[in-house]
N, C-alpha and C. Protein backbone atom coordinates (compact mmCIF):
# COMPACT_ATOMS: atom_id res chain seq x y z
N MET A 1 97.73 51.63 122.40
CA MET A 1 97.58 51.51 123.66
C MET A 1 96.12 51.38 124.60
N ASP A 2 95.94 49.97 124.85
CA ASP A 2 94.69 49.75 125.14
C ASP A 2 95.11 49.93 126.72
N VAL A 3 94.21 50.90 127.39
CA VAL A 3 94.37 50.69 128.85
C VAL A 3 93.10 50.47 129.44
N ILE A 4 93.58 49.64 130.36
CA ILE A 4 92.34 48.94 131.22
C ILE A 4 92.16 49.71 132.87
N ASN A 5 92.78 50.64 133.13
CA ASN A 5 92.55 50.89 134.25
C ASN A 5 93.54 52.06 134.91
N ILE A 6 93.08 53.07 135.38
CA ILE A 6 93.93 54.29 135.95
C ILE A 6 93.79 54.65 137.54
N LYS A 7 94.91 54.64 137.90
CA LYS A 7 95.06 54.72 139.16
C LYS A 7 95.81 56.20 139.86
N THR A 8 95.17 56.86 140.68
CA THR A 8 95.90 57.89 141.03
C THR A 8 96.31 57.61 142.33
N PHE A 9 97.32 58.69 142.70
CA PHE A 9 98.21 58.63 143.92
C PHE A 9 98.08 59.90 144.87
N VAL A 10 97.13 59.85 145.83
CA VAL A 10 96.98 60.85 146.59
C VAL A 10 97.77 61.31 147.63
N PRO A 11 98.27 62.40 147.79
CA PRO A 11 99.46 62.55 148.99
C PRO A 11 98.66 62.75 150.42
N SER A 12 99.83 62.57 150.85
CA SER A 12 99.19 62.46 152.49
C SER A 12 100.06 63.72 153.49
N LYS A 13 99.53 64.43 154.22
CA LYS A 13 100.40 65.47 155.15
C LYS A 13 100.60 64.14 155.98
N ASP A 14 99.77 63.58 156.79
CA ASP A 14 99.76 63.22 157.81
C ASP A 14 99.05 61.16 157.59
N TYR A 15 99.75 60.62 156.91
CA TYR A 15 99.84 59.32 156.31
C TYR A 15 98.63 58.62 157.32
N GLU A 16 98.61 58.87 158.76
CA GLU A 16 97.71 57.96 159.51
C GLU A 16 96.40 58.33 159.77
N ILE A 17 96.49 59.39 159.75
CA ILE A 17 95.12 60.60 159.87
C ILE A 17 94.43 60.12 157.91
N SER A 18 95.22 60.63 157.13
CA SER A 18 94.89 60.34 155.87
C SER A 18 93.86 59.01 155.58
N LYS A 19 94.45 57.79 156.33
CA LYS A 19 93.99 56.14 156.41
C LYS A 19 92.72 56.55 156.94
N LEU A 20 92.59 56.93 158.04
CA LEU A 20 91.66 57.06 158.71
C LEU A 20 90.20 57.67 158.19
N PHE A 21 90.75 59.10 157.54
CA PHE A 21 89.79 59.65 156.60
C PHE A 21 88.95 59.23 155.66
N TYR A 22 89.78 58.22 154.93
CA TYR A 22 89.00 57.61 153.31
C TYR A 22 88.36 56.17 154.14
N SER A 23 88.86 55.39 155.06
CA SER A 23 88.18 54.79 155.72
C SER A 23 86.89 55.03 156.29
N GLU A 24 86.52 56.29 157.02
CA GLU A 24 85.46 56.85 157.03
C GLU A 24 84.55 57.05 156.01
N LEU A 25 85.08 57.30 154.78
CA LEU A 25 84.22 57.77 153.85
C LEU A 25 83.66 56.61 153.34
N GLY A 26 84.18 55.05 153.49
CA GLY A 26 83.61 54.05 152.96
C GLY A 26 84.87 53.31 152.10
N PHE A 27 86.24 53.51 151.78
CA PHE A 27 87.08 52.88 151.33
C PHE A 27 87.65 52.04 151.97
N ASN A 28 87.65 50.77 151.59
CA ASN A 28 88.31 49.71 152.25
C ASN A 28 90.07 49.49 152.15
N PRO A 29 90.80 49.80 153.02
CA PRO A 29 92.40 50.10 152.96
C PRO A 29 92.82 48.56 152.98
N GLN A 30 93.67 48.45 151.77
CA GLN A 30 94.72 47.65 151.57
C GLN A 30 95.97 47.77 151.69
N PHE A 31 96.88 47.14 152.64
CA PHE A 31 97.94 47.18 152.52
C PHE A 31 98.98 46.94 151.72
N VAL A 32 99.68 47.62 150.63
CA VAL A 32 100.78 47.66 149.57
C VAL A 32 102.13 47.74 150.36
N THR A 33 102.65 48.63 150.97
CA THR A 33 103.84 48.78 151.76
C THR A 33 104.03 49.63 153.07
N ASP A 34 104.93 49.86 153.42
CA ASP A 34 104.75 51.14 154.62
C ASP A 34 104.01 52.31 154.24
N ASP A 35 104.33 52.43 152.92
CA ASP A 35 104.20 54.02 152.70
C ASP A 35 103.49 54.02 151.21
N LEU A 36 102.30 52.90 151.47
CA LEU A 36 101.52 52.57 149.96
C LEU A 36 100.24 52.18 150.72
N THR A 37 99.06 52.58 150.58
CA THR A 37 97.76 52.08 150.82
C THR A 37 97.11 52.23 149.74
N LEU A 38 96.37 50.71 149.16
CA LEU A 38 95.47 51.09 147.91
C LEU A 38 94.00 50.99 148.57
N PHE A 39 92.95 51.87 147.80
CA PHE A 39 91.85 51.90 148.84
C PHE A 39 90.69 51.98 147.80
N GLU A 40 90.01 50.97 148.52
CA GLU A 40 88.85 50.36 146.85
C GLU A 40 87.42 50.48 147.70
N ASN A 41 86.23 50.80 146.86
CA ASN A 41 85.37 50.95 147.04
C ASN A 41 84.72 50.35 145.62
N GLY A 42 83.67 49.03 145.66
CA GLY A 42 83.10 48.47 144.86
C GLY A 42 84.47 48.69 143.21
N ASP A 43 84.22 49.20 142.27
CA ASP A 43 85.36 48.80 141.07
C ASP A 43 86.44 49.74 140.91
N SER A 44 86.02 51.06 142.01
CA SER A 44 87.04 52.15 141.82
C SER A 44 88.07 51.81 142.92
N CYS A 45 89.06 52.72 142.65
CA CYS A 45 90.58 52.56 143.86
C CYS A 45 91.86 53.63 143.45
N PHE A 46 92.29 54.04 144.60
CA PHE A 46 93.20 54.86 144.38
C PHE A 46 94.63 54.34 145.57
N PHE A 47 95.37 54.91 145.18
CA PHE A 47 96.70 54.98 145.93
C PHE A 47 96.79 55.99 146.91
N LEU A 48 97.04 55.87 148.34
CA LEU A 48 97.57 56.50 149.28
C LEU A 48 98.49 56.56 149.76
N GLN A 49 99.44 57.94 149.47
CA GLN A 49 101.02 57.84 149.83
C GLN A 49 101.49 58.52 150.92
N ARG A 50 102.27 57.80 151.39
CA ARG A 50 103.16 58.34 152.67
C ARG A 50 104.08 60.01 151.60
N PHE A 51 103.33 60.58 151.21
CA PHE A 51 104.18 62.00 150.59
C PHE A 51 103.26 63.09 150.54
N TYR A 52 104.10 64.16 151.10
CA TYR A 52 103.35 65.54 150.88
C TYR A 52 104.64 66.41 150.48
N HIS A 53 103.96 67.25 149.59
CA HIS A 53 104.21 68.52 149.07
C HIS A 53 103.23 69.55 149.19
N GLU A 54 103.53 70.61 149.94
CA GLU A 54 102.17 71.55 149.87
C GLU A 54 101.02 71.85 148.72
N GLU A 55 102.29 72.29 147.97
CA GLU A 55 101.79 73.28 146.53
C GLU A 55 100.68 72.12 145.77
N LEU A 56 101.44 70.50 145.71
CA LEU A 56 100.71 69.43 145.23
C LEU A 56 99.30 69.62 145.97
N ALA A 57 99.77 68.91 147.07
CA ALA A 57 98.18 68.63 147.97
C ALA A 57 97.25 69.74 147.63
N ASN A 58 97.53 70.90 148.04
CA ASN A 58 96.80 72.24 147.62
C ASN A 58 95.89 72.28 146.35
N ASN A 59 96.52 71.80 145.27
CA ASN A 59 96.14 71.56 144.02
C ASN A 59 95.51 70.39 143.62
N PHE A 60 95.58 69.31 144.79
CA PHE A 60 94.82 68.21 144.03
C PHE A 60 93.93 67.89 143.96
N MET A 61 93.05 67.72 143.31
CA MET A 61 91.42 67.23 143.24
C MET A 61 91.02 65.77 142.67
N LEU A 62 90.25 65.09 143.16
CA LEU A 62 89.51 64.13 142.60
C LEU A 62 88.11 64.09 142.72
N GLN A 63 87.71 63.46 141.37
CA GLN A 63 86.02 63.35 141.43
C GLN A 63 85.55 62.06 141.51
N ILE A 64 85.02 62.34 142.74
CA ILE A 64 84.15 60.62 143.03
C ILE A 64 82.91 60.58 142.81
N CYS A 65 82.12 59.69 141.61
CA CYS A 65 81.07 59.98 141.28
C CYS A 65 80.24 58.98 142.70
N VAL A 66 79.03 59.52 142.69
CA VAL A 66 78.15 58.56 143.49
C VAL A 66 76.75 58.32 142.97
N SER A 67 75.80 57.16 143.65
CA SER A 67 74.96 57.31 142.93
C SER A 67 73.43 57.90 143.62
N ASP A 68 74.15 58.20 145.28
CA ASP A 68 73.29 59.18 146.19
C ASP A 68 74.20 60.06 146.65
N ILE A 69 73.71 61.43 146.26
CA ILE A 69 74.65 62.22 146.64
C ILE A 69 74.19 62.49 148.26
N LEU A 70 72.79 62.76 148.29
CA LEU A 70 72.62 62.78 150.19
C LEU A 70 73.14 61.90 150.77
N THR A 71 73.37 60.38 150.76
CA THR A 71 73.61 59.65 151.26
C THR A 71 75.16 60.01 151.43
N ALA A 72 75.85 60.12 150.24
CA ALA A 72 77.12 60.71 150.53
C ALA A 72 77.66 61.70 151.17
N PHE A 73 76.47 62.98 151.25
CA PHE A 73 76.76 63.96 152.05
C PHE A 73 76.74 63.46 153.62
N LYS A 74 75.76 62.92 154.00
CA LYS A 74 75.73 62.48 155.56
C LYS A 74 76.74 61.77 155.58
N LEU A 75 77.19 61.03 155.07
CA LEU A 75 78.54 60.24 155.38
C LEU A 75 79.92 61.02 155.40
N CYS A 76 79.96 62.00 154.45
CA CYS A 76 80.78 62.85 154.40
C CYS A 76 81.18 63.73 155.66
N SER A 77 79.75 64.34 155.80
CA SER A 77 79.73 65.43 156.83
C SER A 77 79.79 64.61 158.30
N SER A 78 79.95 63.62 158.17
CA SER A 78 80.23 62.54 159.68
C SER A 78 81.64 62.72 159.90
N SER A 79 82.51 63.05 158.57
CA SER A 79 83.86 62.51 159.06
C SER A 79 84.65 63.27 160.22
N LYS A 80 85.05 62.78 160.74
CA LYS A 80 85.92 63.41 162.00
C LYS A 80 87.16 63.98 161.57
N HIS A 81 87.64 63.63 160.33
CA HIS A 81 89.26 63.86 159.99
C HIS A 81 88.82 65.09 158.70
N LYS A 82 87.98 65.31 158.14
CA LYS A 82 87.77 66.62 156.82
C LYS A 82 88.10 67.64 157.74
N THR A 83 88.59 68.70 156.08
CA THR A 83 89.08 69.95 156.87
C THR A 83 87.94 70.52 156.62
N LYS A 84 86.79 70.60 155.60
CA LYS A 84 85.98 71.34 155.32
C LYS A 84 84.78 70.92 154.29
N ILE A 85 83.85 71.17 154.61
CA ILE A 85 82.44 70.65 153.44
C ILE A 85 81.56 71.55 153.23
N THR A 86 81.25 71.49 151.69
CA THR A 86 80.15 72.85 151.68
C THR A 86 78.95 71.55 151.12
N SER A 87 77.82 72.28 151.12
CA SER A 87 76.55 72.38 151.23
C SER A 87 76.45 71.41 149.54
N VAL A 88 75.43 70.57 149.66
CA VAL A 88 75.10 69.93 148.39
C VAL A 88 75.02 71.34 147.36
N GLN A 89 75.16 71.40 146.03
CA GLN A 89 74.63 72.74 144.95
C GLN A 89 74.09 71.42 143.57
N ASP A 90 73.23 72.27 143.21
CA ASP A 90 72.61 71.90 142.26
C ASP A 90 73.38 72.35 140.81
N GLU A 91 73.85 71.58 139.69
CA GLU A 91 74.63 72.07 138.62
C GLU A 91 73.43 71.71 137.33
N PRO A 92 73.76 72.26 136.36
CA PRO A 92 73.33 72.02 135.01
C PRO A 92 73.29 70.06 134.71
N TRP A 93 74.57 69.86 135.04
CA TRP A 93 75.03 68.53 134.97
C TRP A 93 74.78 67.54 135.94
N GLY A 94 74.40 67.67 137.28
CA GLY A 94 73.79 66.94 138.31
C GLY A 94 74.21 67.73 139.60
N LYS A 95 74.45 67.05 140.76
CA LYS A 95 74.69 67.36 142.02
C LYS A 95 76.07 67.34 142.30
N VAL A 96 76.75 68.66 143.40
CA VAL A 96 78.00 67.87 143.62
C VAL A 96 78.10 68.71 145.18
N PHE A 97 78.93 68.34 146.01
CA PHE A 97 79.36 68.78 147.35
C PHE A 97 81.07 68.78 147.06
N TYR A 98 81.55 70.07 147.84
CA TYR A 98 83.20 69.32 147.78
C TYR A 98 83.89 69.42 149.17
N LEU A 99 84.51 68.76 149.40
CA LEU A 99 85.24 68.08 150.53
C LEU A 99 86.60 67.97 150.66
N TRP A 100 86.81 68.67 151.72
CA TRP A 100 88.50 68.79 151.76
C TRP A 100 89.10 67.77 153.00
N GLY A 101 89.75 66.91 152.13
CA GLY A 101 90.63 66.23 152.82
C GLY A 101 92.10 66.65 153.93
N PRO A 102 92.69 66.08 154.95
CA PRO A 102 93.35 66.59 155.63
C PRO A 102 94.81 67.10 155.00
N ALA A 103 94.57 66.44 154.10
CA ALA A 103 96.35 67.54 153.59
C ALA A 103 95.83 68.30 152.76
N GLY A 104 94.51 68.90 152.48
CA GLY A 104 94.67 70.27 151.84
C GLY A 104 93.94 69.69 150.40
N GLU A 105 94.12 68.10 150.12
CA GLU A 105 92.92 67.70 148.80
C GLU A 105 91.92 67.91 148.72
N LEU A 106 91.31 68.28 147.66
CA LEU A 106 89.98 68.71 147.01
C LEU A 106 89.11 67.38 146.87
N LEU A 107 87.87 66.94 147.03
CA LEU A 107 87.36 65.60 146.08
C LEU A 107 86.03 66.28 145.95
N HIS A 108 85.55 66.38 144.71
CA HIS A 108 84.49 66.59 144.22
C HIS A 108 83.86 65.57 144.42
N ILE A 109 82.35 65.60 145.16
CA ILE A 109 81.49 64.29 145.39
C ILE A 109 80.41 64.80 144.53
N THR A 110 80.22 64.11 143.77
CA THR A 110 79.20 64.46 142.13
C THR A 110 78.81 63.06 141.85
N GLN A 111 77.28 63.32 141.83
CA GLN A 111 76.00 62.77 141.40
C GLN A 111 75.70 63.10 139.77
N LEU A 112 76.16 62.50 138.99
CA LEU A 112 75.63 63.12 137.76
C LEU A 112 74.23 62.73 137.06
N GLY A 113 73.78 63.78 136.39
CA GLY A 113 72.32 63.63 135.93
C GLY A 113 71.10 64.22 137.03
N ASN A 114 70.24 64.70 136.89
CA ASN A 114 69.65 65.18 137.81
C ASN A 114 67.88 64.33 138.37
């Protein structure tokens, strides 16, 4: 098997609010169907789906690696649709902050290296 790409399917409790949330974070939405939107930022992308299961959403995690953690933190802090955000933390492998989306999904916003 020669894998060329992997895309995850992110759940949404309120599909329209989740579309706004990911747009606020700098992802560009591309219509796929009434129940599926492809979000892109550079070479990275994922599907947002009109599907919600509380246990799945509350256990869903996505790492988003960025080149500048402070710029990302400022942008994410200004989101009107986030549910929670932590401060930037130093780790042995880099820097990270945690951002919870409107469906309860957890985003690990990460800058690798120090």
